C-alpha atoms as a PDB file:
ATOM      1  CA  MET A   1      66.764  63.368  49.011  1.00  0.00           C
ATOM      2  CA  PHE A   2      64.032  60.709  49.394  1.00  0.00           C
ATOM      3  CA  GLY A   3      63.236  61.038  45.693  1.00  0.00           C
ATOM      4  CA  LEU A   4      61.852  64.555  46.143  1.00  0.00           C
ATOM      5  CA  GLY A   5      62.588  67.253  43.622  1.00  0.00           C
ATOM      6  CA  THR A   6      62.706  70.996  44.108  1.00  0.00           C
ATOM      7  CA  PRO A   7      58.996  71.562  43.316  1.00  0.00           C
ATOM      8  CA  GLU A   8      57.913  68.992  45.897  1.00  0.00           C
ATOM      9  CA  ILE A   9      60.158  70.481  48.586  1.00  0.00           C
ATOM     10  CA  ILE A  10      58.821  73.971  47.865  1.00  0.00           C
ATOM     11  CA  LEU A  11      55.233  72.673  48.042  1.00  0.00           C
ATOM     12  CA  ILE A  12      55.933  70.978  51.388  1.00  0.00           C
ATOM     13  CA  ALA A  13      57.503  74.178  52.737  1.00  0.00           C
ATOM     14  CA  ILE A  14      54.450  76.200  51.674  1.00  0.00           C
ATOM     15  CA  VAL A  15      52.080  73.705  53.306  1.00  0.00           C
ATOM     16  CA  ILE A  16      54.082  73.826  56.552  1.00  0.00           C
ATOM     17  CA  LEU A  17      54.072  77.617  56.449  1.00  0.00           C
ATOM     18  CA  VAL A  18      50.297  77.677  55.965  1.00  0.00           C
ATOM     19  CA  LEU A  19      49.602  75.070  58.651  1.00  0.00           C
ATOM     20  CA  PHE A  20      51.843  76.438  61.380  1.00  0.00           C
ATOM     21  CA  GLY A  21      52.272  80.084  60.478  1.00  0.00           C
ATOM     22  CA  ALA A  22      55.484  82.083  60.286  1.00  0.00           C
ATOM     23  CA  LYS A  23      55.649  82.727  64.039  1.00  0.00           C
ATOM     24  CA  LYS A  24      55.450  79.065  65.015  1.00  0.00           C
ATOM     25  CA  ILE A  25      58.142  77.742  62.641  1.00  0.00           C
ATOM     26  CA  PRO A  26      61.161  78.977  64.681  1.00  0.00           C
ATOM     27  CA  GLU A  27      59.754  77.236  67.765  1.00  0.00           C
ATOM     28  CA  LEU A  28      59.287  74.026  65.784  1.00  0.00           C
ATOM     29  CA  MET A  29      62.832  74.194  64.424  1.00  0.00           C
ATOM     30  CA  GLN A  30      64.220  74.861  67.906  1.00  0.00           C
ATOM     31  CA  GLY A  31      62.401  71.802  69.234  1.00  0.00           C
ATOM     32  CA  LEU A  32      63.646  69.743  66.314  1.00  0.00           C
ATOM     33  CA  GLY A  33      67.210  70.896  66.959  1.00  0.00           C
ATOM     34  CA  LYS A  34      66.969  69.980  70.638  1.00  0.00           C
ATOM     35  CA  GLY A  35      65.601  66.566  69.710  1.00  0.00           C
ATOM     36  CA  ILE A  36      68.439  65.896  67.288  1.00  0.00           C
ATOM     37  CA  LYS A  37      70.983  67.048  69.871  1.00  0.00           C
ATOM     38  CA  GLU A  38      69.530  64.706  72.510  1.00  0.00           C
ATOM     39  CA  PHE A  39      69.481  61.821  70.029  1.00  0.00           C
ATOM     40  CA  LYS A  40      73.139  62.344  69.123  1.00  0.00           C
ATOM     41  CA  LYS A  41      74.091  62.579  72.809  1.00  0.00           C
ATOM     42  CA  ALA A  42      72.231  59.381  73.635  1.00  0.00           C
ATOM     43  CA  SER A  43      73.759  57.497  70.728  1.00  0.00           C
ATOM     44  CA  SER A  44      77.283  58.610  71.671  1.00  0.00           C
ATOM     45  CA  ASP A  45      76.653  57.610  75.300  1.00  0.00           C
ATOM     46  CA  ILE A  46      75.524  54.163  74.180  1.00  0.00           C
ATOM     47  CA  GLU A  47      78.578  53.840  71.942  1.00  0.00           C
ATOM     48  CA  LYS A  48      80.858  54.783  74.855  1.00  0.00           C
ATOM     49  CA  ASP A  49      79.153  52.238  77.119  1.00  0.00           C
ATOM     50  CA  LEU A  50      79.529  49.488  74.551  1.00  0.00           C
ATOM     51  CA  THR A  51      83.185  50.362  73.969  1.00  0.00           C
ATOM     52  CA  SER A  52      83.965  50.382  77.678  1.00  0.00           C
ATOM     53  CA  GLN A  53      82.197  47.044  78.164  1.00  0.00           C
ATOM     54  CA  ASP A  54      84.159  45.576  75.260  1.00  0.00           C
ATOM     55  CA  ASP A  55      87.428  46.836  76.788  1.00  0.00           C
ATOM     56  CA  LYS A  56      86.498  45.317  80.172  1.00  0.00           C
ATOM     57  CA  GLU A  57      85.757  41.949  78.548  1.00  0.00           C
ATOM     58  CA  LYS A  58      89.103  41.964  76.741  1.00  0.00           C
ATOM     59  CA  LYS A  59      90.934  42.535  80.046  1.00  0.00           C
ATOM     60  CA  VAL A  60      89.250  39.560  81.683  1.00  0.00           C
END
């Protein structure tokens, strides 16, 4: 994963815990989850639009 080993990932997790605190992390993860969900929805909507446009062009 991006050339990171277990020690580096643990160090990053500790730094995040220190910077944001244990109470703030669930809020950050919830926001991250919502962002990923919106991104996936937008990308699937774009894919549907492109597919429907392609189908319309084939009919013409």
